[in-house]
Amino acid sequence: IAEPIEKKKKKSLDALRMRRDFCNGGLACAVVWVSSTCWLLLSLSSPVTA
């Protein structure tokens, strides 16, 4: 009787873990995207000496 409840609990835990991983991945992507955009703007705005 307790087995389906455990299975359901595990399923919801897996979903939570997946959502957390997705959020972490999205945050990392956002940081990379923002930093690369800032770097691009800086390199474009600075005089071309480098």
C-alpha atoms as a PDB file:
ATOM      1  CA  ILE A   1       0.000   0.000   0.000  1.00  0.00           C
ATOM      2  CA  ALA A   2       2.859   2.383   0.854  1.00  0.00           C
ATOM      3  CA  GLU A   3       4.768   1.641  -2.370  1.00  0.00           C
ATOM      4  CA  PRO A   4       2.799   3.898  -4.786  1.00  0.00           C
ATOM      5  CA  ILE A   5       3.086   6.805  -2.318  1.00  0.00           C
ATOM      6  CA  GLU A   6       6.863   6.382  -2.176  1.00  0.00           C
ATOM      7  CA  LYS A   7       7.018   6.227  -5.965  1.00  0.00           C
ATOM      8  CA  LYS A   8       4.950   9.405  -6.235  1.00  0.00           C
ATOM      9  CA  LYS A   9       7.180  11.133  -3.662  1.00  0.00           C
ATOM     10  CA  LYS A  10      10.295  10.155  -5.612  1.00  0.00           C
ATOM     11  CA  LYS A  11       8.749  11.430  -8.835  1.00  0.00           C
ATOM     12  CA  SER A  12       8.012  14.840  -7.323  1.00  0.00           C
ATOM     13  CA  LEU A  13      11.531  14.998  -5.839  1.00  0.00           C
ATOM     14  CA  ASP A  14      13.010  14.249  -9.267  1.00  0.00           C
ATOM     15  CA  ALA A  15      10.870  17.000 -10.791  1.00  0.00           C
ATOM     16  CA  LEU A  16      12.065  19.467  -8.137  1.00  0.00           C
ATOM     17  CA  ARG A  17      15.676  18.501  -8.723  1.00  0.00           C
ATOM     18  CA  MET A  18      15.267  18.872 -12.487  1.00  0.00           C
ATOM     19  CA  ARG A  19      13.662  22.295 -12.055  1.00  0.00           C
ATOM     20  CA  ARG A  20      16.502  23.403  -9.765  1.00  0.00           C
ATOM     21  CA  ASP A  21      19.122  22.221 -12.274  1.00  0.00           C
ATOM     22  CA  PHE A  22      17.263  24.049 -15.038  1.00  0.00           C
ATOM     23  CA  CYS A  23      17.197  27.262 -12.987  1.00  0.00           C
ATOM     24  CA  ASN A  24      20.914  26.966 -12.243  1.00  0.00           C
ATOM     25  CA  GLY A  25      21.654  26.381 -15.935  1.00  0.00           C
ATOM     26  CA  GLY A  26      19.515  29.349 -16.924  1.00  0.00           C
ATOM     27  CA  LEU A  27      21.290  31.568 -14.408  1.00  0.00           C
ATOM     28  CA  ALA A  28      24.694  30.492 -15.717  1.00  0.00           C
ATOM     29  CA  CYS A  29      23.581  31.157 -19.304  1.00  0.00           C
ATOM     30  CA  ALA A  30      22.289  34.603 -18.332  1.00  0.00           C
ATOM     31  CA  VAL A  31      25.561  35.494 -16.590  1.00  0.00           C
ATOM     32  CA  VAL A  32      27.624  34.360 -19.584  1.00  0.00           C
ATOM     33  CA  TRP A  33      25.341  36.189 -22.028  1.00  0.00           C
ATOM     34  CA  VAL A  34      25.398  39.451 -20.043  1.00  0.00           C
ATOM     35  CA  SER A  35      29.167  39.377 -19.520  1.00  0.00           C
ATOM     36  CA  SER A  36      29.836  38.634 -23.186  1.00  0.00           C
ATOM     37  CA  THR A  37      27.493  41.452 -24.208  1.00  0.00           C
ATOM     38  CA  CYS A  38      29.269  43.873 -21.858  1.00  0.00           C
ATOM     39  CA  TRP A  39      32.650  42.759 -23.201  1.00  0.00           C
ATOM     40  CA  LEU A  40      31.441  43.260 -26.774  1.00  0.00           C
ATOM     41  CA  LEU A  41      30.125  46.756 -25.990  1.00  0.00           C
ATOM     42  CA  LEU A  42      33.385  47.681 -24.256  1.00  0.00           C
ATOM     43  CA  SER A  43      35.498  46.437 -27.145  1.00  0.00           C
ATOM     44  CA  LEU A  44      33.315  48.324 -29.639  1.00  0.00           C
ATOM     45  CA  SER A  45      33.265  51.593 -27.675  1.00  0.00           C
ATOM     46  CA  SER A  46      36.999  51.650 -26.937  1.00  0.00           C
ATOM     47  CA  PRO A  47      39.342  53.026 -29.632  1.00  0.00           C
ATOM     48  CA  VAL A  48      40.749  50.292 -31.837  1.00  0.00           C
ATOM     49  CA  THR A  49      44.308  50.090 -30.503  1.00  0.00           C
ATOM     50  CA  ALA A  50      44.457  46.507 -29.198  1.00  0.00           C
END
